[in-house]
Amino acid sequence: GVGLGIVFRYGGTTGGVDIIAKLGFKYLGWSMGKTMFIFDAIVIA
């Protein structure tokens, strides 16, 4: 949490689901939170 929080706070991301979430928002109209939740749920499952 601290690591990702610092990265996000200073304008970066660590790639991955952040990019997918922005693609989902642009082309599917899904909120970024929804996309990230679905992706995380699939990975954890």
ModelCIF file with pLDDT and N, C-alpha, C, O atoms, coordinates in Angstrom:
data_MODEL
#
_entry.id   MODEL 
#
_entity.id                         1 
_entity.type                       polymer 
_entity.pdbx_number_of_molecules   1 
#
_entity_poly.entity_id                      1 
_entity_poly.type                           'polypeptide(L)' 
_entity_poly.nstd_linkage                   no 
_entity_poly.nstd_monomer                   no 
_entity_poly.pdbx_seq_one_letter_code       GVGLGIVFRYGGTTGGVDIIAKLGFKYLGWSMGKTMFIFDAIVIA 
_entity_poly.pdbx_seq_one_letter_code_can   GVGLGIVFRYGGTTGGVDIIAKLGFKYLGWSMGKTMFIFDAIVIA 
_entity_poly.pdbx_strand_id                 A 
#
loop_
_entity_poly_seq.entity_id 
_entity_poly_seq.num 
_entity_poly_seq.mon_id 
_entity_poly_seq.hetero 
1 1  GLY n 
1 2  VAL n 
1 3  GLY n 
1 4  LEU n 
1 5  GLY n 
1 6  ILE n 
1 7  VAL n 
1 8  PHE n 
1 9  ARG n 
1 10 TYR n 
1 11 GLY n 
1 12 GLY n 
1 13 THR n 
1 14 THR n 
1 15 GLY n 
1 16 GLY n 
1 17 VAL n 
1 18 ASP n 
1 19 ILE n 
1 20 ILE n 
1 21 ALA n 
1 22 LYS n 
1 23 LEU n 
1 24 GLY n 
1 25 PHE n 
1 26 LYS n 
1 27 TYR n 
1 28 LEU n 
1 29 GLY n 
1 30 TRP n 
1 31 SER n 
1 32 MET n 
1 33 GLY n 
1 34 LYS n 
1 35 THR n 
1 36 MET n 
1 37 PHE n 
1 38 ILE n 
1 39 PHE n 
1 40 ASP n 
1 41 ALA n 
1 42 ILE n 
1 43 VAL n 
1 44 ILE n 
1 45 ALA n 
#
_struct_asym.id          A 
_struct_asym.entity_id   1 
#
loop_
_ma_qa_metric.id 
_ma_qa_metric.mode 
_ma_qa_metric.name 
_ma_qa_metric.software_group_id 
_ma_qa_metric.type 
1 global pLDDT . pLDDT 
2 local  pLDDT . pLDDT 
#
_ma_qa_metric_global.metric_id      1 
_ma_qa_metric_global.metric_value   81.11 
_ma_qa_metric_global.model_id       1 
_ma_qa_metric_global.ordinal_id     1 
#
loop_
_ma_qa_metric_local.label_asym_id 
_ma_qa_metric_local.label_comp_id 
_ma_qa_metric_local.label_seq_id 
_ma_qa_metric_local.metric_id 
_ma_qa_metric_local.metric_value 
_ma_qa_metric_local.model_id 
_ma_qa_metric_local.ordinal_id 
A GLY 1  2 92.00 1 1  
A VAL 2  2 95.00 1 2  
A GLY 3  2 94.00 1 3  
A LEU 4  2 91.00 1 4  
A GLY 5  2 89.00 1 5  
A ILE 6  2 92.00 1 6  
A VAL 7  2 90.00 1 7  
A PHE 8  2 85.00 1 8  
A ARG 9  2 83.00 1 9  
A TYR 10 2 87.00 1 10 
A GLY 11 2 82.00 1 11 
A GLY 12 2 83.00 1 12 
A THR 13 2 82.00 1 13 
A THR 14 2 85.00 1 14 
A GLY 15 2 80.00 1 15 
A GLY 16 2 80.00 1 16 
A VAL 17 2 82.00 1 17 
A ASP 18 2 73.00 1 18 
A ILE 19 2 77.00 1 19 
A ILE 20 2 80.00 1 20 
A ALA 21 2 76.00 1 21 
A LYS 22 2 70.00 1 22 
A LEU 23 2 73.00 1 23 
A GLY 24 2 76.00 1 24 
A PHE 25 2 70.00 1 25 
A LYS 26 2 71.00 1 26 
A TYR 27 2 76.00 1 27 
A LEU 28 2 78.00 1 28 
A GLY 29 2 75.00 1 29 
A TRP 30 2 75.00 1 30 
A SER 31 2 67.00 1 31 
A MET 32 2 63.00 1 32 
A GLY 33 2 61.00 1 33 
A LYS 34 2 74.00 1 34 
A THR 35 2 78.00 1 35 
A MET 36 2 76.00 1 36 
A PHE 37 2 78.00 1 37 
A ILE 38 2 85.00 1 38 
A PHE 39 2 87.00 1 39 
A ASP 40 2 85.00 1 40 
A ALA 41 2 87.00 1 41 
A ILE 42 2 91.00 1 42 
A VAL 43 2 93.00 1 43 
A ILE 44 2 91.00 1 44 
A ALA 45 2 92.00 1 45 
#
loop_
_atom_site.group_PDB 
_atom_site.id 
_atom_site.type_symbol 
_atom_site.label_atom_id 
_atom_site.label_alt_id 
_atom_site.label_comp_id 
_atom_site.label_asym_id 
_atom_site.label_entity_id 
_atom_site.label_seq_id 
_atom_site.pdbx_PDB_ins_code 
_atom_site.Cartn_x 
_atom_site.Cartn_y 
_atom_site.Cartn_z 
_atom_site.occupancy 
_atom_site.B_iso_or_equiv 
_atom_site.pdbx_formal_charge 
_atom_site.auth_seq_id 
_atom_site.auth_comp_id 
_atom_site.auth_asym_id 
_atom_site.auth_atom_id 
_atom_site.pdbx_PDB_model_num 
ATOM 1   N N  . GLY A 1 1  ? 0.811   -1.214  0.000   1.00 92.00 ? 1  GLY A N  1 
ATOM 2   C CA . GLY A 1 1  ? 0.000   0.000   0.000   1.00 92.00 ? 1  GLY A CA 1 
ATOM 3   C C  . GLY A 1 1  ? 0.842   1.261   0.000   1.00 92.00 ? 1  GLY A C  1 
ATOM 4   O O  . GLY A 1 1  ? 0.562   2.195   -0.751  1.00 92.00 ? 1  GLY A O  1 
ATOM 5   N N  . VAL A 1 2  ? 1.872   1.298   0.836   1.00 95.00 ? 2  VAL A N  1 
ATOM 6   C CA . VAL A 1 2  ? 2.754   2.463   0.885   1.00 95.00 ? 2  VAL A CA 1 
ATOM 7   C C  . VAL A 1 2  ? 3.476   2.636   -0.446  1.00 95.00 ? 2  VAL A C  1 
ATOM 8   O O  . VAL A 1 2  ? 3.559   3.745   -0.975  1.00 95.00 ? 2  VAL A O  1 
ATOM 9   N N  . GLY A 1 3  ? 3.996   1.538   -0.985  1.00 94.00 ? 3  GLY A N  1 
ATOM 10  C CA . GLY A 1 3  ? 4.715   1.616   -2.257  1.00 94.00 ? 3  GLY A CA 1 
ATOM 11  C C  . GLY A 1 3  ? 3.841   2.124   -3.387  1.00 94.00 ? 3  GLY A C  1 
ATOM 12  O O  . GLY A 1 3  ? 4.215   3.060   -4.093  1.00 94.00 ? 3  GLY A O  1 
ATOM 13  N N  . LEU A 1 4  ? 2.679   1.512   -3.561  1.00 91.00 ? 4  LEU A N  1 
ATOM 14  C CA . LEU A 1 4  ? 1.769   1.942   -4.627  1.00 91.00 ? 4  LEU A CA 1 
ATOM 15  C C  . LEU A 1 4  ? 1.242   3.353   -4.372  1.00 91.00 ? 4  LEU A C  1 
ATOM 16  O O  . LEU A 1 4  ? 1.093   4.143   -5.304  1.00 91.00 ? 4  LEU A O  1 
ATOM 17  N N  . GLY A 1 5  ? 0.963   3.664   -3.109  1.00 89.00 ? 5  GLY A N  1 
ATOM 18  C CA . GLY A 1 5  ? 0.459   4.994   -2.775  1.00 89.00 ? 5  GLY A CA 1 
ATOM 19  C C  . GLY A 1 5  ? 1.436   6.083   -3.179  1.00 89.00 ? 5  GLY A C  1 
ATOM 20  O O  . GLY A 1 5  ? 1.034   7.114   -3.718  1.00 89.00 ? 5  GLY A O  1 
ATOM 21  N N  . ILE A 1 6  ? 2.719   5.858   -2.921  1.00 92.00 ? 6  ILE A N  1 
ATOM 22  C CA . ILE A 1 6  ? 3.750   6.835   -3.301  1.00 92.00 ? 6  ILE A CA 1 
ATOM 23  C C  . ILE A 1 6  ? 3.834   6.954   -4.811  1.00 92.00 ? 6  ILE A C  1 
ATOM 24  O O  . ILE A 1 6  ? 3.905   8.059   -5.351  1.00 92.00 ? 6  ILE A O  1 
ATOM 25  N N  . VAL A 1 7  ? 3.826   5.818   -5.490  1.00 90.00 ? 7  VAL A N  1 
ATOM 26  C CA . VAL A 1 7  ? 3.899   5.836   -6.966  1.00 90.00 ? 7  VAL A CA 1 
ATOM 27  C C  . VAL A 1 7  ? 2.723   6.619   -7.551  1.00 90.00 ? 7  VAL A C  1 
ATOM 28  O O  . VAL A 1 7  ? 2.913   7.467   -8.423  1.00 90.00 ? 7  VAL A O  1 
ATOM 29  N N  . PHE A 1 8  ? 1.507   6.335   -7.072  1.00 85.00 ? 8  PHE A N  1 
ATOM 30  C CA . PHE A 1 8  ? 0.316   7.018   -7.570  1.00 85.00 ? 8  PHE A CA 1 
ATOM 31  C C  . PHE A 1 8  ? 0.345   8.502   -7.235  1.00 85.00 ? 8  PHE A C  1 
ATOM 32  O O  . PHE A 1 8  ? -0.014  9.335   -8.068  1.00 85.00 ? 8  PHE A O  1 
ATOM 33  N N  . ARG A 1 9  ? 0.767   8.834   -6.026  1.00 83.00 ? 9  ARG A N  1 
ATOM 34  C CA . ARG A 1 9  ? 0.739   10.227  -5.564  1.00 83.00 ? 9  ARG A CA 1 
ATOM 35  C C  . ARG A 1 9  ? 1.648   11.121  -6.408  1.00 83.00 ? 9  ARG A C  1 
ATOM 36  O O  . ARG A 1 9  ? 1.386   12.314  -6.565  1.00 83.00 ? 9  ARG A O  1 
ATOM 37  N N  . TYR A 1 10 ? 2.720   10.532  -6.953  1.00 87.00 ? 10 TYR A N  1 
ATOM 38  C CA . TYR A 1 10 ? 3.659   11.340  -7.724  1.00 87.00 ? 10 TYR A CA 1 
ATOM 39  C C  . TYR A 1 10 ? 3.550   11.088  -9.228  1.00 87.00 ? 10 TYR A C  1 
ATOM 40  O O  . TYR A 1 10 ? 4.520   11.232  -9.972  1.00 87.00 ? 10 TYR A O  1 
ATOM 41  N N  . GLY A 1 11 ? 2.345   10.708  -9.654  1.00 82.00 ? 11 GLY A N  1 
ATOM 42  C CA . GLY A 1 11 ? 2.034   10.714  -11.082 1.00 82.00 ? 11 GLY A CA 1 
ATOM 43  C C  . GLY A 1 11 ? 2.315   9.458   -11.850 1.00 82.00 ? 11 GLY A C  1 
ATOM 44  O O  . GLY A 1 11 ? 2.124   9.432   -13.066 1.00 82.00 ? 11 GLY A O  1 
ATOM 45  N N  . GLY A 1 12 ? 2.765   8.407   -11.186 1.00 83.00 ? 12 GLY A N  1 
ATOM 46  C CA . GLY A 1 12 ? 3.095   7.194   -11.912 1.00 83.00 ? 12 GLY A CA 1 
ATOM 47  C C  . GLY A 1 12 ? 2.095   6.080   -11.694 1.00 83.00 ? 12 GLY A C  1 
ATOM 48  O O  . GLY A 1 12 ? 1.131   6.231   -10.944 1.00 83.00 ? 12 GLY A O  1 
ATOM 49  N N  . THR A 1 13 ? 2.330   4.975   -12.347 1.00 82.00 ? 13 THR A N  1 
ATOM 50  C CA . THR A 1 13 ? 1.605   3.737   -12.087 1.00 82.00 ? 13 THR A CA 1 
ATOM 51  C C  . THR A 1 13 ? 2.631   2.619   -12.220 1.00 82.00 ? 13 THR A C  1 
ATOM 52  O O  . THR A 1 13 ? 3.776   2.862   -12.601 1.00 82.00 ? 13 THR A O  1 
ATOM 53  N N  . THR A 1 14 ? 2.225   1.413   -11.911 1.00 85.00 ? 14 THR A N  1 
ATOM 54  C CA . THR A 1 14 ? 3.116   0.274   -12.135 1.00 85.00 ? 14 THR A CA 1 
ATOM 55  C C  . THR A 1 14 ? 2.610   -0.567  -13.306 1.00 85.00 ? 14 THR A C  1 
ATOM 56  O O  . THR A 1 14 ? 2.883   -1.764  -13.395 1.00 85.00 ? 14 THR A O  1 
ATOM 57  N N  . GLY A 1 15 ? 1.863   0.092   -14.206 1.00 80.00 ? 15 GLY A N  1 
ATOM 58  C CA . GLY A 1 15 ? 1.362   -0.577  -15.404 1.00 80.00 ? 15 GLY A CA 1 
ATOM 59  C C  . GLY A 1 15 ? 0.205   -1.499  -15.096 1.00 80.00 ? 15 GLY A C  1 
ATOM 60  O O  . GLY A 1 15 ? -0.572  -1.262  -14.170 1.00 80.00 ? 15 GLY A O  1 
ATOM 61  N N  . GLY A 1 16 ? 0.100   -2.553  -15.882 1.00 80.00 ? 16 GLY A N  1 
ATOM 62  C CA . GLY A 1 16 ? -0.874  -3.597  -15.608 1.00 80.00 ? 16 GLY A CA 1 
ATOM 63  C C  . GLY A 1 16 ? -2.316  -3.162  -15.622 1.00 80.00 ? 16 GLY A C  1 
ATOM 64  O O  . GLY A 1 16 ? -2.793  -2.588  -16.601 1.00 80.00 ? 16 GLY A O  1 
ATOM 65  N N  . VAL A 1 17 ? -3.012  -3.436  -14.534 1.00 82.00 ? 17 VAL A N  1 
ATOM 66  C CA . VAL A 1 17 ? -4.447  -3.229  -14.463 1.00 82.00 ? 17 VAL A CA 1 
ATOM 67  C C  . VAL A 1 17 ? -4.818  -1.750  -14.556 1.00 82.00 ? 17 VAL A C  1 
ATOM 68  O O  . VAL A 1 17 ? -5.940  -1.423  -14.943 1.00 82.00 ? 17 VAL A O  1 
ATOM 69  N N  . ASP A 1 18 ? -3.889  -0.844  -14.207 1.00 73.00 ? 18 ASP A N  1 
ATOM 70  C CA . ASP A 1 18 ? -4.172  0.586   -14.328 1.00 73.00 ? 18 ASP A CA 1 
ATOM 71  C C  . ASP A 1 18 ? -4.450  0.955   -15.787 1.00 73.00 ? 18 ASP A C  1 
ATOM 72  O O  . ASP A 1 18 ? -5.365  1.724   -16.082 1.00 73.00 ? 18 ASP A O  1 
ATOM 73  N N  . ILE A 1 19 ? -3.653  0.397   -16.685 1.00 77.00 ? 19 ILE A N  1 
ATOM 74  C CA . ILE A 1 19 ? -3.842  0.666   -18.114 1.00 77.00 ? 19 ILE A CA 1 
ATOM 75  C C  . ILE A 1 19 ? -5.119  0.001   -18.612 1.00 77.00 ? 19 ILE A C  1 
ATOM 76  O O  . ILE A 1 19 ? -5.880  0.601   -19.370 1.00 77.00 ? 19 ILE A O  1 
ATOM 77  N N  . ILE A 1 20 ? -5.353  -1.232  -18.188 1.00 80.00 ? 20 ILE A N  1 
ATOM 78  C CA . ILE A 1 20 ? -6.564  -1.945  -18.591 1.00 80.00 ? 20 ILE A CA 1 
ATOM 79  C C  . ILE A 1 20 ? -7.807  -1.191  -18.119 1.00 80.00 ? 20 ILE A C  1 
ATOM 80  O O  . ILE A 1 20 ? -8.796  -1.108  -18.847 1.00 80.00 ? 20 ILE A O  1 
ATOM 81  N N  . ALA A 1 21 ? -7.759  -0.643  -16.904 1.00 76.00 ? 21 ALA A N  1 
ATOM 82  C CA . ALA A 1 21 ? -8.898  0.098   -16.372 1.00 76.00 ? 21 ALA A CA 1 
ATOM 83  C C  . ALA A 1 21 ? -9.191  1.337   -17.216 1.00 76.00 ? 21 ALA A C  1 
ATOM 84  O O  . ALA A 1 21 ? -10.354 1.665   -17.452 1.00 76.00 ? 21 ALA A O  1 
ATOM 85  N N  . LYS A 1 22 ? -8.145  2.023   -17.668 1.00 70.00 ? 22 LYS A N  1 
ATOM 86  C CA . LYS A 1 22 ? -8.353  3.208   -18.500 1.00 70.00 ? 22 LYS A CA 1 
ATOM 87  C C  . LYS A 1 22 ? -8.890  2.824   -19.879 1.00 70.00 ? 22 LYS A C  1 
ATOM 88  O O  . LYS A 1 22 ? -9.678  3.565   -20.467 1.00 70.00 ? 22 LYS A O  1 
ATOM 89  N N  . LEU A 1 23 ? -8.469  1.672   -20.392 1.00 73.00 ? 23 LEU A N  1 
ATOM 90  C CA . LEU A 1 23 ? -9.008  1.185   -21.658 1.00 73.00 ? 23 LEU A CA 1 
ATOM 91  C C  . LEU A 1 23 ? -10.486 0.822   -21.506 1.00 73.00 ? 23 LEU A C  1 
ATOM 92  O O  . LEU A 1 23 ? -11.301 1.114   -22.381 1.00 73.00 ? 23 LEU A O  1 
ATOM 93  N N  . GLY A 1 24 ? -10.819 0.176   -20.371 1.00 76.00 ? 24 GLY A N  1 
ATOM 94  C CA . GLY A 1 24 ? -12.213 -0.187  -20.122 1.00 76.00 ? 24 GLY A CA 1 
ATOM 95  C C  . GLY A 1 24 ? -13.103 1.032   -19.999 1.00 76.00 ? 24 GLY A C  1 
ATOM 96  O O  . GLY A 1 24 ? -14.251 1.025   -20.445 1.00 76.00 ? 24 GLY A O  1 
ATOM 97  N N  . PHE A 1 25 ? -12.564 2.088   -19.386 1.00 70.00 ? 25 PHE A N  1 
ATOM 98  C CA . PHE A 1 25 ? -13.339 3.327   -19.242 1.00 70.00 ? 25 PHE A CA 1 
ATOM 99  C C  . PHE A 1 25 ? -13.569 3.986   -20.600 1.00 70.00 ? 25 PHE A C  1 
ATOM 100 O O  . PHE A 1 25 ? -14.657 4.490   -20.877 1.00 70.00 ? 25 PHE A O  1 
ATOM 101 N N  . LYS A 1 26 ? -12.535 3.979   -21.445 1.00 71.00 ? 26 LYS A N  1 
ATOM 102 C CA . LYS A 1 26 ? -12.631 4.673   -22.730 1.00 71.00 ? 26 LYS A CA 1 
ATOM 103 C C  . LYS A 1 26 ? -13.535 3.934   -23.715 1.00 71.00 ? 26 LYS A C  1 
ATOM 104 O O  . LYS A 1 26 ? -14.341 4.562   -24.402 1.00 71.00 ? 26 LYS A O  1 
ATOM 105 N N  . TYR A 1 27 ? -13.411 2.612   -23.790 1.00 76.00 ? 27 TYR A N  1 
ATOM 106 C CA . TYR A 1 27 ? -14.102 1.864   -24.833 1.00 76.00 ? 27 TYR A CA 1 
ATOM 107 C C  . TYR A 1 27 ? -15.377 1.154   -24.365 1.00 76.00 ? 27 TYR A C  1 
ATOM 108 O O  . TYR A 1 27 ? -16.252 0.856   -25.178 1.00 76.00 ? 27 TYR A O  1 
ATOM 109 N N  . LEU A 1 28 ? -15.487 0.881   -23.055 1.00 78.00 ? 28 LEU A N  1 
ATOM 110 C CA . LEU A 1 28 ? -16.664 0.175   -22.553 1.00 78.00 ? 28 LEU A CA 1 
ATOM 111 C C  . LEU A 1 28 ? -17.524 1.034   -21.640 1.00 78.00 ? 28 LEU A C  1 
ATOM 112 O O  . LEU A 1 28 ? -18.655 0.673   -21.315 1.00 78.00 ? 28 LEU A O  1 
ATOM 113 N N  . GLY A 1 29 ? -16.977 2.178   -21.228 1.00 75.00 ? 29 GLY A N  1 
ATOM 114 C CA . GLY A 1 29 ? -17.717 3.049   -20.332 1.00 75.00 ? 29 GLY A CA 1 
ATOM 115 C C  . GLY A 1 29 ? -17.740 2.566   -18.895 1.00 75.00 ? 29 GLY A C  1 
ATOM 116 O O  . GLY A 1 29 ? -18.515 3.075   -18.085 1.00 75.00 ? 29 GLY A O  1 
ATOM 117 N N  . TRP A 1 30 ? -16.888 1.577   -18.562 1.00 75.00 ? 30 TRP A N  1 
ATOM 118 C CA . TRP A 1 30 ? -16.828 1.076   -17.201 1.00 75.00 ? 30 TRP A CA 1 
ATOM 119 C C  . TRP A 1 30 ? -16.016 2.036   -16.339 1.00 75.00 ? 30 TRP A C  1 
ATOM 120 O O  . TRP A 1 30 ? -15.048 2.634   -16.807 1.00 75.00 ? 30 TRP A O  1 
ATOM 121 N N  . SER A 1 31 ? -16.415 2.178   -15.083 1.00 67.00 ? 31 SER A N  1 
ATOM 122 C CA . SER A 1 31 ? -15.599 2.975   -14.172 1.00 67.00 ? 31 SER A CA 1 
ATOM 123 C C  . SER A 1 31 ? -14.286 2.239   -13.928 1.00 67.00 ? 31 SER A C  1 
ATOM 124 O O  . SER A 1 31 ? -14.225 1.012   -14.007 1.00 67.00 ? 31 SER A O  1 
ATOM 125 N N  . MET A 1 32 ? -13.234 3.008   -13.629 1.00 63.00 ? 32 MET A N  1 
ATOM 126 C CA . MET A 1 32 ? -11.934 2.387   -13.386 1.00 63.00 ? 32 MET A CA 1 
ATOM 127 C C  . MET A 1 32 ? -11.994 1.487   -12.158 1.00 63.00 ? 32 MET A C  1 
ATOM 128 O O  . MET A 1 32 ? -11.375 0.423   -12.129 1.00 63.00 ? 32 MET A O  1 
ATOM 129 N N  . GLY A 1 33 ? -12.746 1.920   -11.141 1.00 61.00 ? 33 GLY A N  1 
ATOM 130 C CA . GLY A 1 33 ? -12.864 1.102   -9.936  1.00 61.00 ? 33 GLY A CA 1 
ATOM 131 C C  . GLY A 1 33 ? -13.509 -0.243  -10.220 1.00 61.00 ? 33 GLY A C  1 
ATOM 132 O O  . GLY A 1 33 ? -13.089 -1.268  -9.684  1.00 61.00 ? 33 GLY A O  1 
ATOM 133 N N  . LYS A 1 34 ? -14.540 -0.234  -11.072 1.00 74.00 ? 34 LYS A N  1 
ATOM 134 C CA . LYS A 1 34 ? -15.229 -1.478  -11.418 1.00 74.00 ? 34 LYS A CA 1 
ATOM 135 C C  . LYS A 1 34 ? -14.295 -2.418  -12.162 1.00 74.00 ? 34 LYS A C  1 
ATOM 136 O O  . LYS A 1 34 ? -14.238 -3.609  -11.855 1.00 74.00 ? 34 LYS A O  1 
ATOM 137 N N  . THR A 1 35 ? -13.561 -1.893  -13.140 1.00 78.00 ? 35 THR A N  1 
ATOM 138 C CA . THR A 1 35 ? -12.645 -2.719  -13.927 1.00 78.00 ? 35 THR A CA 1 
ATOM 139 C C  . THR A 1 35 ? -11.564 -3.318  -13.039 1.00 78.00 ? 35 THR A C  1 
ATOM 140 O O  . THR A 1 35 ? -11.257 -4.506  -13.140 1.00 78.00 ? 35 THR A O  1 
ATOM 141 N N  . MET A 1 36 ? -10.987 -2.492  -12.168 1.00 76.00 ? 36 MET A N  1 
ATOM 142 C CA . MET A 1 36 ? -9.917  -2.968  -11.297 1.00 76.00 ? 36 MET A CA 1 
ATOM 143 C C  . MET A 1 36 ? -10.436 -4.016  -10.317 1.00 76.00 ? 36 MET A C  1 
ATOM 144 O O  . MET A 1 36 ? -9.745  -4.991  -10.022 1.00 76.00 ? 36 MET A O  1 
ATOM 145 N N  . PHE A 1 37 ? -11.653 -3.814  -9.813  1.00 78.00 ? 37 PHE A N  1 
ATOM 146 C CA . PHE A 1 37 ? -12.233 -4.787  -8.883  1.00 78.00 ? 37 PHE A CA 1 
ATOM 147 C C  . PHE A 1 37 ? -12.445 -6.131  -9.574  1.00 78.00 ? 37 PHE A C  1 
ATOM 148 O O  . PHE A 1 37 ? -12.093 -7.174  -9.024  1.00 78.00 ? 37 PHE A O  1 
ATOM 149 N N  . ILE A 1 38 ? -13.021 -6.111  -10.781 1.00 85.00 ? 38 ILE A N  1 
ATOM 150 C CA . ILE A 1 38 ? -13.285 -7.352  -11.517 1.00 85.00 ? 38 ILE A CA 1 
ATOM 151 C C  . ILE A 1 38 ? -11.979 -8.081  -11.812 1.00 85.00 ? 38 ILE A C  1 
ATOM 152 O O  . ILE A 1 38 ? -11.874 -9.294  -11.626 1.00 85.00 ? 38 ILE A O  1 
ATOM 153 N N  . PHE A 1 39 ? -10.979 -7.320  -12.279 1.00 87.00 ? 39 PHE A N  1 
ATOM 154 C CA . PHE A 1 39 ? -9.695  -7.936  -12.625 1.00 87.00 ? 39 PHE A CA 1 
ATOM 155 C C  . PHE A 1 39 ? -9.035  -8.529  -11.388 1.00 87.00 ? 39 PHE A C  1 
ATOM 156 O O  . PHE A 1 39 ? -8.540  -9.655  -11.422 1.00 87.00 ? 39 PHE A O  1 
ATOM 157 N N  . ASP A 1 40 ? -9.028  -7.767  -10.292 1.00 85.00 ? 40 ASP A N  1 
ATOM 158 C CA . ASP A 1 40 ? -8.422  -8.266  -9.056  1.00 85.00 ? 40 ASP A CA 1 
ATOM 159 C C  . ASP A 1 40 ? -9.141  -9.514  -8.554  1.00 85.00 ? 40 ASP A C  1 
ATOM 160 O O  . ASP A 1 40 ? -8.504  -10.461 -8.094  1.00 85.00 ? 40 ASP A O  1 
ATOM 161 N N  . ALA A 1 41 ? -10.477 -9.511  -8.646  1.00 87.00 ? 41 ALA A N  1 
ATOM 162 C CA . ALA A 1 41 ? -11.249 -10.670 -8.183  1.00 87.00 ? 41 ALA A CA 1 
ATOM 163 C C  . ALA A 1 41 ? -10.897 -11.915 -8.990  1.00 87.00 ? 41 ALA A C  1 
ATOM 164 O O  . ALA A 1 41 ? -10.758 -13.006 -8.437  1.00 87.00 ? 41 ALA A O  1 
ATOM 165 N N  . ILE A 1 42 ? -10.753 -11.743 -10.307 1.00 91.00 ? 42 ILE A N  1 
ATOM 166 C CA . ILE A 1 42 ? -10.397 -12.883 -11.170 1.00 91.00 ? 42 ILE A CA 1 
ATOM 167 C C  . ILE A 1 42 ? -9.015  -13.420 -10.813 1.00 91.00 ? 42 ILE A C  1 
ATOM 168 O O  . ILE A 1 42 ? -8.815  -14.632 -10.728 1.00 91.00 ? 42 ILE A O  1 
ATOM 169 N N  . VAL A 1 43 ? -8.060  -12.507 -10.604 1.00 93.00 ? 43 VAL A N  1 
ATOM 170 C CA . VAL A 1 43 ? -6.686  -12.917 -10.300 1.00 93.00 ? 43 VAL A CA 1 
ATOM 171 C C  . VAL A 1 43 ? -6.618  -13.617 -8.951  1.00 93.00 ? 43 VAL A C  1 
ATOM 172 O O  . VAL A 1 43 ? -5.977  -14.660 -8.825  1.00 93.00 ? 43 VAL A O  1 
ATOM 173 N N  . ILE A 1 44 ? -7.278  -13.050 -7.935  1.00 91.00 ? 44 ILE A N  1 
ATOM 174 C CA . ILE A 1 44 ? -7.240  -13.655 -6.606  1.00 91.00 ? 44 ILE A CA 1 
ATOM 175 C C  . ILE A 1 44 ? -7.947  -15.011 -6.615  1.00 91.00 ? 44 ILE A C  1 
ATOM 176 O O  . ILE A 1 44 ? -7.500  -15.949 -5.956  1.00 91.00 ? 44 ILE A O  1 
ATOM 177 N N  . ALA A 1 45 ? -9.050  -15.114 -7.363  1.00 92.00 ? 45 ALA A N  1 
ATOM 178 C CA . ALA A 1 45 ? -9.745  -16.401 -7.478  1.00 92.00 ? 45 ALA A CA 1 
ATOM 179 C C  . ALA A 1 45 ? -8.845  -17.429 -8.156  1.00 92.00 ? 45 ALA A C  1 
ATOM 180 O O  . ALA A 1 45 ? -9.252  -18.576 -8.345  1.00 92.00 ? 45 ALA A O  1 
#
